[in-house]
Amino acid sequence: MDKQWTGRTDGTPRMQKALIVLFRYIDIRVMYGVMAVVIVGYMLFRRSATRAQYDYFRRCYRVSHLAAIRLTYRNFYHFGQVVLDRFAAYAGRTFRFIYEDEPLFQELLDSDKGGLLLFSHAGNFEMAGYTFSPGNRTMWALAYAGESEVVKRKREQMLNRNHIHVISVKDDMSHVFLLHDALSHGDIVSMPGDRQLGHSRDIKSLFFGQAAPFPMGPFHIASRMRVCTLAMWVMKEKWDTYRVLVRRVEGTTAQQLADSYAAQLEQVVRHYPTQWYHYYDFWNGQIDRTQPFDR
């Protein structure tokens, strides 16, 4: 699987609309039960993604073949829950959020300077934007433009009501100029720190003991514009509960910031190993596949 995220949720627009209507009348746990069965066929269909997750568990956690298969299944199942939770939110369902390090995030909101909020493809970061508002601050969320019109419309409706605006990633890289303008005007910008955006260059940082390519863009922007940089993860703990983790990303150079972020990400995914949804060879073939990672 290519490391560029396609940005599209599976399913036709008609199916997605039907799912939103369905969630207005049935308990989400019923759909979790259906997902538990359907996900097996999905794993067989998405063989490259399944292999990537299997290798991740086998090499990073030094588990047996059977344990890696079990963890891979749980990873796909948790990802299915993440997707269902989003559609349930579109239908008006609410979830419980437990915030850690909230003063750290409040410090960012209280500042009159621009700030960068990095997320990753671990947990369900988008759900946070559906529940909290940056107050009197303006916030921009970078998102891939490849989603269906149903998802894009619902997502923007949910975010806009909390004063969060979407910047779509485009091939002409125009989103980069919008990001710079937003930060220059003292706004807050959220963007992924573990996935390429457009044609961004890589920066190598240690991740599970091996050099891994992270996107240069976020860390270059943070170092060049000297803005406060935080990382946030929204991790699922129960069927109706998420835990919000906030960490400071420290450093003055792009490399230092990338190293800090990689260390924070590793700490989070070690605690929630089945909630990191990368689905491709994150280490870009630059490791010895015959040997497990050092812990």
Protein backbone atom coordinates (compact mmCIF):
# COMPACT_ATOMS: atom_id res chain seq x y z
CA MET A 1 0.00 0.00 0.00
CA ASP A 2 1.31 3.40 -0.90
CA LYS A 3 2.13 5.68 2.00
CA GLN A 4 -0.05 8.44 0.61
CA TRP A 5 -3.41 8.20 2.35
CA THR A 6 -6.28 8.06 -0.14
CA GLY A 7 -8.46 10.13 2.16
CA ARG A 8 -11.67 8.28 1.30
CA THR A 9 -13.96 6.37 3.65
CA ASP A 10 -15.22 3.14 2.09
CA GLY A 11 -18.81 2.89 0.91
CA THR A 12 -20.94 4.67 -1.68
CA PRO A 13 -22.62 7.99 -0.81
CA ARG A 14 -25.99 6.20 -0.68
CA MET A 15 -24.62 3.65 1.79
CA GLN A 16 -23.12 6.41 3.92
CA LYS A 17 -26.41 8.33 4.02
CA ALA A 18 -28.26 5.15 4.98
CA LEU A 19 -25.76 4.50 7.78
CA ILE A 20 -26.35 7.96 9.24
CA VAL A 21 -30.13 7.40 9.23
CA LEU A 22 -29.67 3.95 10.76
CA PHE A 23 -27.70 5.32 13.69
CA ARG A 24 -30.65 7.52 14.67
CA TYR A 25 -32.61 4.43 15.62
CA ILE A 26 -30.25 1.61 16.66
CA ASP A 27 -27.58 1.19 19.32
CA ILE A 28 -24.07 1.54 17.94
CA ARG A 29 -23.08 -1.66 19.73
CA VAL A 30 -25.30 -3.61 17.34
CA MET A 31 -23.21 -2.33 14.46
CA TYR A 32 -20.04 -3.20 16.37
CA GLY A 33 -21.28 -6.80 16.40
CA VAL A 34 -21.84 -6.76 12.65
CA MET A 35 -18.41 -5.20 12.17
CA ALA A 36 -16.77 -8.01 14.16
CA VAL A 37 -17.83 -10.47 11.42
CA VAL A 38 -17.52 -8.26 8.34
CA ILE A 39 -13.99 -7.18 9.19
CA VAL A 40 -12.62 -10.68 8.47
CA GLY A 41 -13.56 -10.39 4.80
CA TYR A 42 -12.18 -6.85 4.71
CA MET A 43 -8.81 -8.08 5.97
CA LEU A 44 -8.68 -10.73 3.27
CA PHE A 45 -9.55 -8.16 0.61
CA ARG A 46 -6.98 -5.61 1.87
CA ARG A 47 -4.04 -7.98 1.88
CA SER A 48 -1.24 -5.39 1.72
CA ALA A 49 -2.75 -3.45 4.62
CA THR A 50 -3.22 -6.66 6.61
CA ARG A 51 0.38 -7.66 5.97
CA ALA A 52 1.66 -4.25 7.06
CA GLN A 53 -0.18 -4.46 10.38
CA TYR A 54 0.88 -8.07 10.91
CA ASP A 55 4.54 -7.14 10.35
CA TYR A 56 4.17 -4.20 12.75
CA PHE A 57 2.92 -6.39 15.58
CA ARG A 58 5.33 -9.23 14.82
CA ARG A 59 8.46 -7.08 14.73
CA CYS A 60 7.67 -4.23 17.10
CA TYR A 61 6.23 -6.29 19.93
CA ARG A 62 8.03 -9.61 19.37
CA VAL A 63 4.84 -11.62 19.58
CA SER A 64 4.09 -15.04 18.09
CA HIS A 65 2.49 -15.53 14.67
CA LEU A 66 -0.85 -16.33 16.26
CA ALA A 67 -0.69 -13.32 18.57
CA ALA A 68 0.20 -11.04 15.62
CA ILE A 69 -2.83 -12.32 13.70
CA ARG A 70 -5.07 -11.72 16.72
CA LEU A 71 -3.70 -8.19 17.22
CA THR A 72 -4.11 -7.43 13.51
CA TYR A 73 -7.76 -8.46 13.69
CA ARG A 74 -8.29 -6.24 16.74
CA ASN A 75 -6.61 -3.36 14.91
CA PHE A 76 -8.97 -3.62 11.94
CA TYR A 77 -11.92 -4.06 14.29
CA HIS A 78 -10.99 -0.95 16.27
CA PHE A 79 -10.58 1.00 13.05
CA GLY A 80 -14.05 -0.13 12.02
CA GLN A 81 -15.37 1.19 15.35
CA VAL A 82 -13.65 4.53 14.71
CA VAL A 83 -15.40 4.87 11.36
CA LEU A 84 -18.77 3.85 12.82
CA ASP A 85 -18.35 6.34 15.68
CA ARG A 86 -17.92 9.16 13.19
CA PHE A 87 -21.13 8.29 11.39
CA ALA A 88 -22.92 7.92 14.71
CA ALA A 89 -21.73 11.44 15.57
CA TYR A 90 -23.12 12.66 12.24
CA ALA A 91 -26.46 11.19 13.32
CA GLY A 92 -26.38 13.13 16.58
CA ARG A 93 -25.03 10.47 18.94
CA THR A 94 -22.70 11.73 21.67
CA PHE A 95 -19.64 10.22 23.35
CA ARG A 96 -17.87 10.78 26.66
CA PHE A 97 -14.41 12.39 26.64
CA ILE A 98 -11.83 12.25 29.43
CA TYR A 99 -9.19 14.97 29.08
CA GLU A 100 -5.60 14.62 30.28
CA ASP A 101 -3.21 17.58 30.40
CA GLU A 102 -6.08 19.95 29.64
CA PRO A 103 -4.13 22.95 31.07
CA LEU A 104 -1.52 22.39 28.37
CA PHE A 105 -4.14 22.73 25.65
CA GLN A 106 -5.76 25.67 27.44
CA GLU A 107 -2.37 27.40 27.41
CA LEU A 108 -2.43 27.18 23.62
CA LEU A 109 -5.96 28.57 23.48
CA ASP A 110 -5.11 31.46 25.80
CA SER A 111 -2.08 32.52 23.77
CA ASP A 112 -2.40 35.32 21.24
CA LYS A 113 0.16 33.66 18.96
CA GLY A 114 -0.30 31.03 16.31
CA GLY A 115 -0.15 27.40 17.36
CA LEU A 116 0.30 24.03 15.70
CA LEU A 117 -1.69 20.99 16.86
CA LEU A 118 -0.31 17.73 15.48
CA PHE A 119 -2.40 14.59 15.29
CA SER A 120 -1.67 11.12 13.99
CA HIS A 121 -3.55 8.16 12.58
CA ALA A 122 -3.81 6.71 16.07
CA GLY A 123 -7.16 6.84 17.80
CA ASN A 124 -9.90 9.11 16.49
CA PHE A 125 -8.65 12.71 16.49
CA GLU A 126 -11.52 13.99 14.36
CA MET A 127 -14.00 13.20 17.14
CA ALA A 128 -12.39 15.84 19.36
CA GLY A 129 -13.30 18.53 16.87
CA TYR A 130 -16.94 17.48 17.12
CA THR A 131 -17.06 18.13 20.86
CA PHE A 132 -14.87 21.06 21.86
CA SER A 133 -14.55 24.63 20.65
CA PRO A 134 -11.37 26.75 20.57
CA GLY A 135 -13.39 29.57 22.14
CA ASN A 136 -12.59 32.93 20.63
CA ARG A 137 -9.64 31.49 18.70
CA THR A 138 -9.86 30.59 15.02
CA MET A 139 -8.83 27.04 14.24
CA TRP A 140 -8.10 25.41 10.90
CA ALA A 141 -8.03 21.65 10.34
CA LEU A 142 -6.05 20.21 7.45
CA ALA A 143 -7.98 17.39 5.75
CA TYR A 144 -7.65 15.31 2.62
CA ALA A 145 -9.93 16.33 -0.22
CA GLY A 146 -10.64 12.79 -1.44
CA GLU A 147 -13.60 12.06 0.81
CA SER A 148 -17.12 11.63 -0.56
CA GLU A 149 -19.39 14.66 -0.59
CA VAL A 150 -21.49 13.11 2.18
CA VAL A 151 -18.55 12.81 4.55
CA LYS A 152 -17.07 16.20 3.63
CA ARG A 153 -20.39 17.96 4.14
CA LYS A 154 -21.13 16.30 7.47
CA ARG A 155 -17.58 16.79 8.72
CA GLU A 156 -17.57 20.47 7.87
CA GLN A 157 -20.97 20.96 9.51
CA MET A 158 -19.76 19.33 12.72
CA LEU A 159 -16.50 21.28 12.80
CA ASN A 160 -17.92 24.65 11.72
CA ARG A 161 -20.41 24.72 14.58
CA ASN A 162 -17.36 24.64 16.88
CA HIS A 163 -15.59 27.40 14.94
CA ILE A 164 -13.17 25.00 13.26
CA HIS A 165 -12.65 25.44 9.52
CA VAL A 166 -11.34 22.87 7.03
CA ILE A 167 -8.38 23.39 4.70
CA SER A 168 -8.33 20.74 1.98
CA VAL A 169 -5.02 19.28 0.82
CA LYS A 170 -4.63 19.91 -2.91
CA ASP A 171 -2.13 18.80 -5.54
CA ASP A 172 -1.17 22.40 -6.33
CA MET A 173 0.06 22.77 -2.71
CA SER A 174 -2.07 25.89 -2.22
CA HIS A 175 -2.95 24.62 1.25
CA VAL A 176 0.64 25.36 2.35
CA PHE A 177 0.13 29.09 1.77
CA LEU A 178 -3.17 28.99 3.66
CA LEU A 179 -1.42 27.32 6.59
CA HIS A 180 1.28 29.98 6.70
CA ASP A 181 -1.31 32.76 6.53
CA ALA A 182 -3.35 31.22 9.35
CA LEU A 183 -0.34 30.85 11.66
CA SER A 184 0.90 34.34 10.78
CA HIS A 185 -2.47 35.76 11.87
CA GLY A 186 -2.28 33.99 15.23
CA ASP A 187 -4.67 31.13 14.41
CA ILE A 188 -4.36 27.49 15.44
CA VAL A 189 -3.75 24.87 12.77
CA SER A 190 -4.11 21.09 13.15
CA MET A 191 -2.33 18.71 10.77
CA PRO A 192 -1.02 15.12 10.79
CA GLY A 193 2.52 14.47 11.92
CA ASP A 194 2.77 10.84 10.82
CA ARG A 195 1.54 10.91 7.23
CA GLN A 196 2.65 12.62 4.05
CA LEU A 197 0.68 15.60 2.79
CA GLY A 198 1.00 16.09 -0.95
CA HIS A 199 4.64 16.05 -2.03
CA SER A 200 6.30 16.83 1.27
CA ARG A 201 9.84 15.58 1.89
CA ASP A 202 10.74 13.09 4.60
CA ILE A 203 12.65 13.57 7.82
CA LYS A 204 14.05 10.51 9.59
CA SER A 205 13.44 9.89 13.31
CA LEU A 206 13.85 6.86 15.52
CA PHE A 207 10.59 4.99 15.94
CA PHE A 208 10.55 1.64 17.72
CA GLY A 209 14.34 1.62 17.53
CA GLN A 210 14.50 2.06 13.74
CA ALA A 211 14.80 5.12 11.52
CA ALA A 212 11.36 5.90 10.08
CA PRO A 213 10.32 8.59 7.58
CA PHE A 214 8.08 11.31 8.99
CA PRO A 215 6.77 14.21 6.88
CA MET A 216 9.09 17.21 6.92
CA GLY A 217 6.26 19.76 6.47
CA PRO A 218 4.80 20.11 9.98
CA PHE A 219 8.17 20.24 11.71
CA HIS A 220 9.68 22.65 9.18
CA ILE A 221 6.71 24.99 9.65
CA ALA A 222 6.92 24.77 13.44
CA SER A 223 10.65 25.50 13.52
CA ARG A 224 10.53 28.26 10.94
CA MET A 225 7.57 30.12 12.43
CA ARG A 226 8.50 29.46 16.09
CA VAL A 227 4.96 28.56 17.09
CA CYS A 228 3.82 26.56 20.10
CA THR A 229 3.49 22.94 18.97
CA LEU A 230 1.38 20.32 20.73
CA ALA A 231 0.43 16.76 19.84
CA MET A 232 -3.03 15.41 20.58
CA TRP A 233 -4.42 11.89 20.54
CA VAL A 234 -8.04 10.85 21.08
CA MET A 235 -7.93 7.18 22.08
CA LYS A 236 -10.93 4.88 22.42
CA GLU A 237 -11.21 3.26 25.86
CA LYS A 238 -14.82 2.03 26.04
CA TRP A 239 -17.62 1.77 23.52
CA ASP A 240 -18.82 5.28 24.43
CA THR A 241 -15.65 6.79 25.93
CA TYR A 242 -12.51 8.43 24.54
CA ARG A 243 -9.42 9.66 26.38
CA VAL A 244 -7.79 12.85 25.06
CA LEU A 245 -4.00 13.01 25.49
CA VAL A 246 -2.05 16.23 24.96
CA ARG A 247 1.75 16.41 24.84
CA ARG A 248 4.19 19.25 24.15
CA VAL A 249 6.43 18.76 21.09
CA GLU A 250 9.77 20.28 22.00
CA GLY A 251 12.73 21.52 19.99
CA THR A 252 13.93 24.45 17.91
CA THR A 253 14.92 22.66 14.71
CA ALA A 254 12.78 20.50 12.46
CA GLN A 255 14.82 17.44 13.40
CA GLN A 256 14.45 18.03 17.14
CA LEU A 257 10.71 18.56 16.78
CA ALA A 258 10.33 15.42 14.65
CA ASP A 259 12.33 13.37 17.17
CA SER A 260 10.17 14.68 20.03
CA TYR A 261 6.95 13.90 18.17
CA ALA A 262 8.15 10.40 17.17
CA ALA A 263 9.01 9.61 20.79
CA GLN A 264 5.59 10.81 21.95
CA LEU A 265 3.81 8.82 19.24
CA GLU A 266 5.71 5.66 20.15
CA GLN A 267 4.77 6.09 23.79
CA VAL A 268 1.08 6.39 22.89
CA VAL A 269 0.94 3.46 20.47
CA ARG A 270 2.83 1.22 22.90
CA HIS A 271 0.02 1.88 25.36
CA TYR A 272 -2.67 1.49 22.67
CA PRO A 273 -0.98 -0.93 20.20
CA THR A 274 -4.13 -1.82 18.25
CA GLN A 275 -5.19 1.80 17.68
CA TRP A 276 -2.47 2.93 15.26
CA TYR A 277 -3.93 2.76 11.77
CA HIS A 278 -1.07 3.15 9.29
CA TYR A 279 -1.77 0.19 6.90
CA TYR A 280 1.43 0.44 4.90
CA ASP A 281 5.14 -0.26 5.46
CA PHE A 282 5.80 2.75 7.67
CA TRP A 283 9.55 2.11 7.64
CA ASN A 284 9.57 2.24 3.84
CA GLY A 285 11.43 -1.03 3.37
CA GLN A 286 14.53 0.28 5.12
CA ILE A 287 14.65 -2.39 7.83
CA ASP A 288 15.64 -6.03 8.07
CA ARG A 289 12.32 -7.87 7.90
CA THR A 290 13.91 -11.06 9.25
CA GLN A 291 14.63 -9.48 12.62
CA PRO A 292 12.19 -8.08 15.19
CA PHE A 293 12.73 -4.57 16.47
CA ASP A 294 14.60 -3.92 19.69
CA ARG A 295 12.28 -2.86 22.46
